[in-house]
């Protein structure tokens, strides 16, 4: 008589899987670190703190669901509790190191902002609203602020170019968010044989118009590399929106779409670095 093989359950690992959000988080940090033109050990500490602050959301979501939603304790709750405790300890060590060697008030405000956004993100995830475009726009603004963290951990101040870097990265990320949601709307509607809703597509077109206007303004100011970055991003997104009209294009895997978006974000970041150098 054959016996069934029972595979032991593996403990859940709380590793962020939002590759787009990870790119939004890290790209502005490395752009700012490059533009500082100097290496500081505090940047490494800040990078660790940023990564841990981003990763802690997942175990906190599990703990929040256990407290407010689930009636029975789930198997992932104890690992989530241990993971959150360890990550809080790492954040405390990083925060202490930065407070003792850099302006503690500036980092304190930055940490408070990060904590407030984490609370919001956990609440949104518990209520399963994390795919809301407007929450993702707010996330892009919050995540791209890592450029400021890089400057504070490096030179100890936020230069004027860092504010511009933050705005540019947030604008490019926001424009991409609505393009992705327009594709998702088109895919779903194509499967149902319905006409796609126009909300996200209209928002995406408005974002591309804003990028082109910003590119024109940058060109008038003589910032041609920045103008090129904005114009290229807008044109690529407009081509993607046009491509979404083709039913065959909608069959493209989301992984490939994500890879193309990452390539565009990387090219945008490189042009911005040259423009701000």
C-alpha atoms as a PDB file:
ATOM      1  CA  UNK A   1       0.000   0.000   0.000  1.00  0.00           C
ATOM      2  CA  UNK A   2       1.425   3.349  -1.024  1.00  0.00           C
ATOM      3  CA  UNK A   3       1.978   5.926   1.655  1.00  0.00           C
ATOM      4  CA  UNK A   4       1.596   9.625   1.125  1.00  0.00           C
ATOM      5  CA  UNK A   5       4.641  11.775   1.659  1.00  0.00           C
ATOM      6  CA  UNK A   6       3.956  14.742   3.883  1.00  0.00           C
ATOM      7  CA  UNK A   7       6.218  17.682   3.156  1.00  0.00           C
ATOM      8  CA  UNK A   8       7.074  19.809   6.148  1.00  0.00           C
ATOM      9  CA  UNK A   9       5.834  23.357   5.941  1.00  0.00           C
ATOM     10  CA  UNK A  10       8.595  25.877   5.516  1.00  0.00           C
ATOM     11  CA  UNK A  11       8.606  28.980   7.655  1.00  0.00           C
ATOM     12  CA  UNK A  12       7.407  32.066   5.771  1.00  0.00           C
ATOM     13  CA  UNK A  13      10.039  34.595   4.784  1.00  0.00           C
ATOM     14  CA  UNK A  14       9.138  38.257   4.783  1.00  0.00           C
ATOM     15  CA  UNK A  15      11.056  39.506   1.770  1.00  0.00           C
ATOM     16  CA  UNK A  16       9.518  42.424  -0.194  1.00  0.00           C
ATOM     17  CA  UNK A  17       8.308  41.305  -3.614  1.00  0.00           C
ATOM     18  CA  UNK A  18       7.276  44.704  -4.988  1.00  0.00           C
ATOM     19  CA  UNK A  19      10.092  45.131  -7.493  1.00  0.00           C
ATOM     20  CA  UNK A  20       8.745  48.427  -8.812  1.00  0.00           C
ATOM     21  CA  UNK A  21       8.533  49.880  -5.319  1.00  0.00           C
ATOM     22  CA  UNK A  22      12.040  48.605  -4.551  1.00  0.00           C
ATOM     23  CA  UNK A  23      13.350  50.447  -7.609  1.00  0.00           C
ATOM     24  CA  UNK A  24      11.566  53.633  -6.520  1.00  0.00           C
ATOM     25  CA  UNK A  25      13.153  53.248  -3.102  1.00  0.00           C
ATOM     26  CA  UNK A  26      16.758  52.573  -4.106  1.00  0.00           C
ATOM     27  CA  UNK A  27      17.250  54.492  -7.365  1.00  0.00           C
ATOM     28  CA  UNK A  28      16.965  58.017  -5.857  1.00  0.00           C
ATOM     29  CA  UNK A  29      19.248  57.005  -2.981  1.00  0.00           C
ATOM     30  CA  UNK A  30      22.026  55.837  -5.297  1.00  0.00           C
ATOM     31  CA  UNK A  31      21.529  58.846  -7.577  1.00  0.00           C
ATOM     32  CA  UNK A  32      22.027  61.180  -4.614  1.00  0.00           C
ATOM     33  CA  UNK A  33      24.973  59.140  -3.316  1.00  0.00           C
ATOM     34  CA  UNK A  34      26.690  59.426  -6.712  1.00  0.00           C
ATOM     35  CA  UNK A  35      25.992  63.151  -6.941  1.00  0.00           C
ATOM     36  CA  UNK A  36      27.542  63.717  -3.511  1.00  0.00           C
ATOM     37  CA  UNK A  37      30.871  62.680  -5.109  1.00  0.00           C
ATOM     38  CA  UNK A  38      32.144  61.302  -1.823  1.00  0.00           C
ATOM     39  CA  UNK A  39      31.674  58.089   0.138  1.00  0.00           C
ATOM     40  CA  UNK A  40      30.530  58.280   3.774  1.00  0.00           C
ATOM     41  CA  UNK A  41      30.120  55.299   6.083  1.00  0.00           C
ATOM     42  CA  UNK A  42      26.850  56.783   7.315  1.00  0.00           C
ATOM     43  CA  UNK A  43      25.413  56.171   3.848  1.00  0.00           C
ATOM     44  CA  UNK A  44      25.755  52.430   4.388  1.00  0.00           C
ATOM     45  CA  UNK A  45      23.980  52.705   7.731  1.00  0.00           C
ATOM     46  CA  UNK A  46      21.207  54.729   6.129  1.00  0.00           C
ATOM     47  CA  UNK A  47      20.873  52.243   3.281  1.00  0.00           C
ATOM     48  CA  UNK A  48      20.467  49.401   5.782  1.00  0.00           C
ATOM     49  CA  UNK A  49      17.867  51.420   7.681  1.00  0.00           C
ATOM     50  CA  UNK A  50      15.966  52.176   4.452  1.00  0.00           C
ATOM     51  CA  UNK A  51      15.951  48.512   3.405  1.00  0.00           C
ATOM     52  CA  UNK A  52      14.812  47.330   6.848  1.00  0.00           C
ATOM     53  CA  UNK A  53      12.136  50.042   7.122  1.00  0.00           C
ATOM     54  CA  UNK A  54      10.794  48.882   3.756  1.00  0.00           C
ATOM     55  CA  UNK A  55      10.919  45.194   4.689  1.00  0.00           C
ATOM     56  CA  UNK A  56       9.256  45.570   8.086  1.00  0.00           C
ATOM     57  CA  UNK A  57       5.915  46.365   6.480  1.00  0.00           C
ATOM     58  CA  UNK A  58       5.178  42.730   5.599  1.00  0.00           C
ATOM     59  CA  UNK A  59       5.508  41.266   9.121  1.00  0.00           C
ATOM     60  CA  UNK A  60       3.632  44.251  10.539  1.00  0.00           C
ATOM     61  CA  UNK A  61       0.774  43.575   8.116  1.00  0.00           C
ATOM     62  CA  UNK A  62       0.599  39.976   9.389  1.00  0.00           C
ATOM     63  CA  UNK A  63       0.587  41.159  13.015  1.00  0.00           C
ATOM     64  CA  UNK A  64      -2.092  43.767  12.279  1.00  0.00           C
ATOM     65  CA  UNK A  65      -4.298  41.175  10.581  1.00  0.00           C
ATOM     66  CA  UNK A  66      -3.772  38.811  13.498  1.00  0.00           C
ATOM     67  CA  UNK A  67      -4.872  41.514  15.925  1.00  0.00           C
ATOM     68  CA  UNK A  68      -7.823  43.014  14.045  1.00  0.00           C
ATOM     69  CA  UNK A  69      -8.960  40.498  11.420  1.00  0.00           C
ATOM     70  CA  UNK A  70      -8.102  36.903  12.218  1.00  0.00           C
ATOM     71  CA  UNK A  71      -9.870  35.080  15.046  1.00  0.00           C
ATOM     72  CA  UNK A  72      -7.418  32.179  15.268  1.00  0.00           C
ATOM     73  CA  UNK A  73      -3.640  32.538  15.387  1.00  0.00           C
ATOM     74  CA  UNK A  74      -2.124  31.838  11.965  1.00  0.00           C
ATOM     75  CA  UNK A  75       1.088  29.925  11.384  1.00  0.00           C
ATOM     76  CA  UNK A  76       2.859  32.989   9.983  1.00  0.00           C
ATOM     77  CA  UNK A  77       2.216  35.107  13.077  1.00  0.00           C
ATOM     78  CA  UNK A  78       5.126  33.856  15.285  1.00  0.00           C
ATOM     79  CA  UNK A  79       7.720  34.272  12.474  1.00  0.00           C
ATOM     80  CA  UNK A  80       6.281  37.710  11.748  1.00  0.00           C
ATOM     81  CA  UNK A  81       6.618  38.644  15.415  1.00  0.00           C
ATOM     82  CA  UNK A  82      10.263  37.537  15.483  1.00  0.00           C
ATOM     83  CA  UNK A  83      11.031  39.258  12.177  1.00  0.00           C
ATOM     84  CA  UNK A  84       9.461  42.535  13.287  1.00  0.00           C
ATOM     85  CA  UNK A  85      11.335  42.458  16.603  1.00  0.00           C
ATOM     86  CA  UNK A  86      14.680  41.858  14.888  1.00  0.00           C
ATOM     87  CA  UNK A  87      14.074  44.572  12.304  1.00  0.00           C
ATOM     88  CA  UNK A  88      13.046  47.068  14.976  1.00  0.00           C
ATOM     89  CA  UNK A  89      16.302  46.319  16.776  1.00  0.00           C
ATOM     90  CA  UNK A  90      18.288  46.939  13.570  1.00  0.00           C
ATOM     91  CA  UNK A  91      16.419  50.200  12.996  1.00  0.00           C
ATOM     92  CA  UNK A  92      17.153  51.320  16.555  1.00  0.00           C
ATOM     93  CA  UNK A  93      20.879  50.605  16.132  1.00  0.00           C
ATOM     94  CA  UNK A  94      21.000  52.434  12.792  1.00  0.00           C
ATOM     95  CA  UNK A  95      19.047  55.359  14.198  1.00  0.00           C
ATOM     96  CA  UNK A  96      21.383  55.663  17.179  1.00  0.00           C
ATOM     97  CA  UNK A  97      24.477  55.570  14.952  1.00  0.00           C
ATOM     98  CA  UNK A  98      23.078  58.317  12.730  1.00  0.00           C
ATOM     99  CA  UNK A  99      21.847  60.455  15.620  1.00  0.00           C
ATOM    100  CA  UNK A 100      25.297  60.407  17.224  1.00  0.00           C
ATOM    101  CA  UNK A 101      27.184  61.369  14.051  1.00  0.00           C
ATOM    102  CA  UNK A 102      24.726  63.506  12.080  1.00  0.00           C
ATOM    103  CA  UNK A 103      22.019  66.090  12.756  1.00  0.00           C
ATOM    104  CA  UNK A 104      19.665  64.123  14.983  1.00  0.00           C
ATOM    105  CA  UNK A 105      16.768  66.543  14.438  1.00  0.00           C
ATOM    106  CA  UNK A 106      16.773  66.158  10.642  1.00  0.00           C
ATOM    107  CA  UNK A 107      16.977  62.378  10.867  1.00  0.00           C
ATOM    108  CA  UNK A 108      14.353  62.367  13.601  1.00  0.00           C
ATOM    109  CA  UNK A 109      11.896  64.140  11.305  1.00  0.00           C
ATOM    110  CA  UNK A 110      12.779  61.739   8.504  1.00  0.00           C
ATOM    111  CA  UNK A 111      12.220  58.718  10.749  1.00  0.00           C
ATOM    112  CA  UNK A 112       8.889  60.115  11.949  1.00  0.00           C
ATOM    113  CA  UNK A 113       7.780  60.549   8.350  1.00  0.00           C
ATOM    114  CA  UNK A 114       8.854  57.003   7.522  1.00  0.00           C
ATOM    115  CA  UNK A 115       7.021  55.645  10.568  1.00  0.00           C
ATOM    116  CA  UNK A 116       3.840  57.518   9.642  1.00  0.00           C
ATOM    117  CA  UNK A 117       3.964  56.179   6.095  1.00  0.00           C
ATOM    118  CA  UNK A 118       4.567  52.634   7.379  1.00  0.00           C
ATOM    119  CA  UNK A 119       1.467  52.893   9.568  1.00  0.00           C
ATOM    120  CA  UNK A 120      -0.528  54.093   6.561  1.00  0.00           C
ATOM    121  CA  UNK A 121       0.859  51.309   4.349  1.00  0.00           C
ATOM    122  CA  UNK A 122       0.008  48.648   6.933  1.00  0.00           C
ATOM    123  CA  UNK A 123      -3.532  50.013   7.293  1.00  0.00           C
ATOM    124  CA  UNK A 124      -4.036  50.093   3.521  1.00  0.00           C
ATOM    125  CA  UNK A 125      -2.745  46.522   3.144  1.00  0.00           C
ATOM    126  CA  UNK A 126      -4.932  45.200   5.949  1.00  0.00           C
ATOM    127  CA  UNK A 127      -7.927  46.695   4.133  1.00  0.00           C
ATOM    128  CA  UNK A 128      -6.682  45.278   0.783  1.00  0.00           C
ATOM    129  CA  UNK A 129      -6.467  48.728  -0.828  1.00  0.00           C
ATOM    130  CA  UNK A 130      -2.768  48.554  -1.676  1.00  0.00           C
ATOM    131  CA  UNK A 131      -3.453  48.514  -5.428  1.00  0.00           C
ATOM    132  CA  UNK A 132      -5.214  51.860  -5.338  1.00  0.00           C
ATOM    133  CA  UNK A 133      -3.464  54.144  -7.879  1.00  0.00           C
ATOM    134  CA  UNK A 134      -3.636  57.125  -5.559  1.00  0.00           C
ATOM    135  CA  UNK A 135      -2.057  55.231  -2.694  1.00  0.00           C
ATOM    136  CA  UNK A 136       0.680  54.121  -5.068  1.00  0.00           C
ATOM    137  CA  UNK A 137       1.221  57.753  -6.119  1.00  0.00           C
ATOM    138  CA  UNK A 138       1.617  58.701  -2.464  1.00  0.00           C
ATOM    139  CA  UNK A 139       3.983  55.749  -2.095  1.00  0.00           C
ATOM    140  CA  UNK A 140       6.096  56.971  -5.014  1.00  0.00           C
ATOM    141  CA  UNK A 141       6.470  60.371  -3.345  1.00  0.00           C
ATOM    142  CA  UNK A 142       7.412  58.780  -0.032  1.00  0.00           C
ATOM    143  CA  UNK A 143       9.760  56.145  -1.457  1.00  0.00           C
ATOM    144  CA  UNK A 144      11.698  58.534  -3.690  1.00  0.00           C
ATOM    145  CA  UNK A 145      12.464  60.740  -0.666  1.00  0.00           C
ATOM    146  CA  UNK A 146      15.387  58.399   0.036  1.00  0.00           C
ATOM    147  CA  UNK A 147      17.445  60.907  -1.964  1.00  0.00           C
ATOM    148  CA  UNK A 148      17.146  63.241   1.031  1.00  0.00           C
ATOM    149  CA  UNK A 149      18.217  60.482   3.402  1.00  0.00           C
ATOM    150  CA  UNK A 150      21.354  59.926   1.303  1.00  0.00           C
ATOM    151  CA  UNK A 151      22.256  63.618   1.473  1.00  0.00           C
ATOM    152  CA  UNK A 152      21.607  63.894   5.200  1.00  0.00           C
ATOM    153  CA  UNK A 153      23.746  60.838   5.877  1.00  0.00           C
ATOM    154  CA  UNK A 154      26.479  62.119   3.576  1.00  0.00           C
ATOM    155  CA  UNK A 155      27.049  65.860   3.675  1.00  0.00           C
ATOM    156  CA  UNK A 156      24.648  66.376   6.576  1.00  0.00           C
ATOM    157  CA  UNK A 157      22.451  68.819   4.644  1.00  0.00           C
ATOM    158  CA  UNK A 158      20.004  68.774   1.735  1.00  0.00           C
ATOM    159  CA  UNK A 159      21.369  70.746  -1.253  1.00  0.00           C
ATOM    160  CA  UNK A 160      19.068  72.383  -3.781  1.00  0.00           C
ATOM    161  CA  UNK A 161      19.752  69.733  -6.421  1.00  0.00           C
ATOM    162  CA  UNK A 162      18.455  67.031  -4.056  1.00  0.00           C
ATOM    163  CA  UNK A 163      14.997  68.623  -3.940  1.00  0.00           C
ATOM    164  CA  UNK A 164      14.983  68.684  -7.731  1.00  0.00           C
ATOM    165  CA  UNK A 165      16.124  65.054  -7.861  1.00  0.00           C
ATOM    166  CA  UNK A 166      13.297  64.045  -5.532  1.00  0.00           C
ATOM    167  CA  UNK A 167      10.689  65.885  -7.639  1.00  0.00           C
ATOM    168  CA  UNK A 168      11.972  64.405 -10.894  1.00  0.00           C
ATOM    169  CA  UNK A 169      12.064  60.828  -9.592  1.00  0.00           C
ATOM    170  CA  UNK A 170       8.595  61.152  -8.048  1.00  0.00           C
ATOM    171  CA  UNK A 171       7.162  62.628 -11.257  1.00  0.00           C
ATOM    172  CA  UNK A 172       8.593  59.869 -13.432  1.00  0.00           C
ATOM    173  CA  UNK A 173       7.381  57.169 -11.038  1.00  0.00           C
ATOM    174  CA  UNK A 174       3.887  58.680 -10.835  1.00  0.00           C
ATOM    175  CA  UNK A 175       3.608  58.834 -14.622  1.00  0.00           C
ATOM    176  CA  UNK A 176       4.550  55.170 -14.822  1.00  0.00           C
ATOM    177  CA  UNK A 177       2.027  54.104 -12.188  1.00  0.00           C
ATOM    178  CA  UNK A 178      -0.979  55.281 -14.193  1.00  0.00           C
ATOM    179  CA  UNK A 179       0.421  53.722 -17.385  1.00  0.00           C
ATOM    180  CA  UNK A 180       0.658  50.345 -15.620  1.00  0.00           C
ATOM    181  CA  UNK A 181      -2.879  50.663 -14.254  1.00  0.00           C
ATOM    182  CA  UNK A 182      -4.139  51.589 -17.723  1.00  0.00           C
ATOM    183  CA  UNK A 183      -2.599  48.344 -19.041  1.00  0.00           C
ATOM    184  CA  UNK A 184      -4.204  46.326 -16.249  1.00  0.00           C
ATOM    185  CA  UNK A 185      -7.593  47.908 -17.038  1.00  0.00           C
ATOM    186  CA  UNK A 186      -7.147  47.089 -20.726  1.00  0.00           C
ATOM    187  CA  UNK A 187      -6.151  43.456 -20.013  1.00  0.00           C
ATOM    188  CA  UNK A 188      -9.112  42.838 -17.741  1.00  0.00           C
ATOM    189  CA  UNK A 189     -11.576  44.498 -20.120  1.00  0.00           C
ATOM    190  CA  UNK A 190     -10.199  42.554 -23.112  1.00  0.00           C
ATOM    191  CA  UNK A 191     -10.821  39.266 -21.289  1.00  0.00           C
ATOM    192  CA  UNK A 192     -14.386  40.304 -20.518  1.00  0.00           C
ATOM    193  CA  UNK A 193     -15.008  41.698 -23.986  1.00  0.00           C
ATOM    194  CA  UNK A 194     -15.783  45.107 -22.537  1.00  0.00           C
ATOM    195  CA  UNK A 195     -14.492  48.599 -23.120  1.00  0.00           C
ATOM    196  CA  UNK A 196     -11.726  49.574 -20.702  1.00  0.00           C
ATOM    197  CA  UNK A 197     -12.483  52.345 -18.184  1.00  0.00           C
ATOM    198  CA  UNK A 198     -10.848  55.629 -19.104  1.00  0.00           C
ATOM    199  CA  UNK A 199      -9.878  56.935 -15.669  1.00  0.00           C
ATOM    200  CA  UNK A 200      -6.329  55.609 -15.395  1.00  0.00           C
ATOM    201  CA  UNK A 201      -5.628  56.170 -19.078  1.00  0.00           C
ATOM    202  CA  UNK A 202      -6.719  59.800 -18.859  1.00  0.00           C
ATOM    203  CA  UNK A 203      -4.594  60.303 -15.748  1.00  0.00           C
ATOM    204  CA  UNK A 204      -1.630  58.724 -17.558  1.00  0.00           C
ATOM    205  CA  UNK A 205      -2.052  61.081 -20.526  1.00  0.00           C
ATOM    206  CA  UNK A 206      -2.187  64.086 -18.191  1.00  0.00           C
ATOM    207  CA  UNK A 207       1.004  62.909 -16.485  1.00  0.00           C
ATOM    208  CA  UNK A 208       2.810  62.599 -19.820  1.00  0.00           C
ATOM    209  CA  UNK A 209       1.664  66.086 -20.792  1.00  0.00           C
ATOM    210  CA  UNK A 210       3.079  67.353 -17.489  1.00  0.00           C
ATOM    211  CA  UNK A 211       6.404  65.600 -18.176  1.00  0.00           C
ATOM    212  CA  UNK A 212       6.603  67.171 -21.642  1.00  0.00           C
ATOM    213  CA  UNK A 213       5.846  70.625 -20.233  1.00  0.00           C
ATOM    214  CA  UNK A 214       8.553  70.110 -17.608  1.00  0.00           C
ATOM    215  CA  UNK A 215      10.945  69.008 -20.357  1.00  0.00           C
ATOM    216  CA  UNK A 216      10.219  72.197 -22.316  1.00  0.00           C
ATOM    217  CA  UNK A 217      10.807  74.300 -19.193  1.00  0.00           C
ATOM    218  CA  UNK A 218      14.102  72.514 -18.485  1.00  0.00           C
ATOM    219  CA  UNK A 219      15.228  73.093 -22.078  1.00  0.00           C
ATOM    220  CA  UNK A 220      14.434  76.807 -21.809  1.00  0.00           C
ATOM    221  CA  UNK A 221      16.575  76.926 -18.658  1.00  0.00           C
ATOM    222  CA  UNK A 222      19.450  75.243 -20.458  1.00  0.00           C
ATOM    223  CA  UNK A 223      19.114  71.935 -18.557  1.00  0.00           C
ATOM    224  CA  UNK A 224      19.185  69.815 -21.704  1.00  0.00           C
ATOM    225  CA  UNK A 225      20.068  66.484 -20.070  1.00  0.00           C
ATOM    226  CA  UNK A 226      17.147  66.829 -17.672  1.00  0.00           C
ATOM    227  CA  UNK A 227      14.905  67.899 -20.545  1.00  0.00           C
ATOM    228  CA  UNK A 228      15.991  64.805 -22.483  1.00  0.00           C
ATOM    229  CA  UNK A 229      15.248  62.539 -19.523  1.00  0.00           C
ATOM    230  CA  UNK A 230      11.744  63.953 -19.087  1.00  0.00           C
ATOM    231  CA  UNK A 231      10.973  63.908 -22.815  1.00  0.00           C
ATOM    232  CA  UNK A 232      12.223  60.337 -23.294  1.00  0.00           C
ATOM    233  CA  UNK A 233      10.204  59.099 -20.323  1.00  0.00           C
ATOM    234  CA  UNK A 234       7.047  60.810 -21.581  1.00  0.00           C
ATOM    235  CA  UNK A 235       7.475  59.540 -25.154  1.00  0.00           C
ATOM    236  CA  UNK A 236       8.127  55.960 -23.991  1.00  0.00           C
ATOM    237  CA  UNK A 237       5.023  56.052 -21.804  1.00  0.00           C
ATOM    238  CA  UNK A 238       2.959  57.497 -24.672  1.00  0.00           C
ATOM    239  CA  UNK A 239       4.167  54.676 -26.929  1.00  0.00           C
ATOM    240  CA  UNK A 240       3.180  52.180 -24.241  1.00  0.00           C
ATOM    241  CA  UNK A 241      -0.302  53.726 -24.023  1.00  0.00           C
ATOM    242  CA  UNK A 242      -0.615  53.456 -27.797  1.00  0.00           C
ATOM    243  CA  UNK A 243       0.603  49.855 -27.675  1.00  0.00           C
ATOM    244  CA  UNK A 244      -2.182  49.050 -25.216  1.00  0.00           C
ATOM    245  CA  UNK A 245      -4.665  49.597 -28.059  1.00  0.00           C
ATOM    246  CA  UNK A 246      -3.289  46.458 -29.707  1.00  0.00           C
ATOM    247  CA  UNK A 247      -4.961  43.296 -28.330  1.00  0.00           C
ATOM    248  CA  UNK A 248      -1.863  41.228 -29.121  1.00  0.00           C
ATOM    249  CA  UNK A 249       0.292  43.565 -27.030  1.00  0.00           C
ATOM    250  CA  UNK A 250      -1.965  43.002 -24.027  1.00  0.00           C
ATOM    251  CA  UNK A 251      -0.860  39.358 -23.993  1.00  0.00           C
ATOM    252  CA  UNK A 252       2.685  40.401 -23.091  1.00  0.00           C
ATOM    253  CA  UNK A 253       3.656  39.084 -19.665  1.00  0.00           C
ATOM    254  CA  UNK A 254       3.626  41.562 -16.819  1.00  0.00           C
ATOM    255  CA  UNK A 255       7.157  40.455 -15.981  1.00  0.00           C
ATOM    256  CA  UNK A 256       8.384  41.680 -19.355  1.00  0.00           C
ATOM    257  CA  UNK A 257       6.425  44.914 -18.946  1.00  0.00           C
ATOM    258  CA  UNK A 258       8.083  45.392 -15.570  1.00  0.00           C
ATOM    259  CA  UNK A 259      11.526  44.773 -17.039  1.00  0.00           C
ATOM    260  CA  UNK A 260      10.908  47.403 -19.709  1.00  0.00           C
ATOM    261  CA  UNK A 261       9.719  49.876 -17.082  1.00  0.00           C
ATOM    262  CA  UNK A 262      12.833  49.182 -15.000  1.00  0.00           C
ATOM    263  CA  UNK A 263      15.060  49.779 -18.033  1.00  0.00           C
ATOM    264  CA  UNK A 264      13.323  53.111 -18.655  1.00  0.00           C
ATOM    265  CA  UNK A 265      13.701  54.126 -14.998  1.00  0.00           C
ATOM    266  CA  UNK A 266      17.402  53.266 -15.096  1.00  0.00           C
ATOM    267  CA  UNK A 267      17.964  55.296 -18.265  1.00  0.00           C
ATOM    268  CA  UNK A 268      16.005  58.195 -16.738  1.00  0.00           C
ATOM    269  CA  UNK A 269      18.134  58.074 -13.583  1.00  0.00           C
ATOM    270  CA  UNK A 270      21.400  58.065 -15.553  1.00  0.00           C
ATOM    271  CA  UNK A 271      20.334  61.106 -17.599  1.00  0.00           C
ATOM    272  CA  UNK A 272      19.278  62.939 -14.437  1.00  0.00           C
ATOM    273  CA  UNK A 273      22.655  62.212 -12.815  1.00  0.00           C
ATOM    274  CA  UNK A 274      24.435  63.696 -15.826  1.00  0.00           C
ATOM    275  CA  UNK A 275      22.082  66.670 -15.800  1.00  0.00           C
ATOM    276  CA  UNK A 276      22.666  67.396 -12.119  1.00  0.00           C
ATOM    277  CA  UNK A 277      26.421  66.654 -12.088  1.00  0.00           C
END
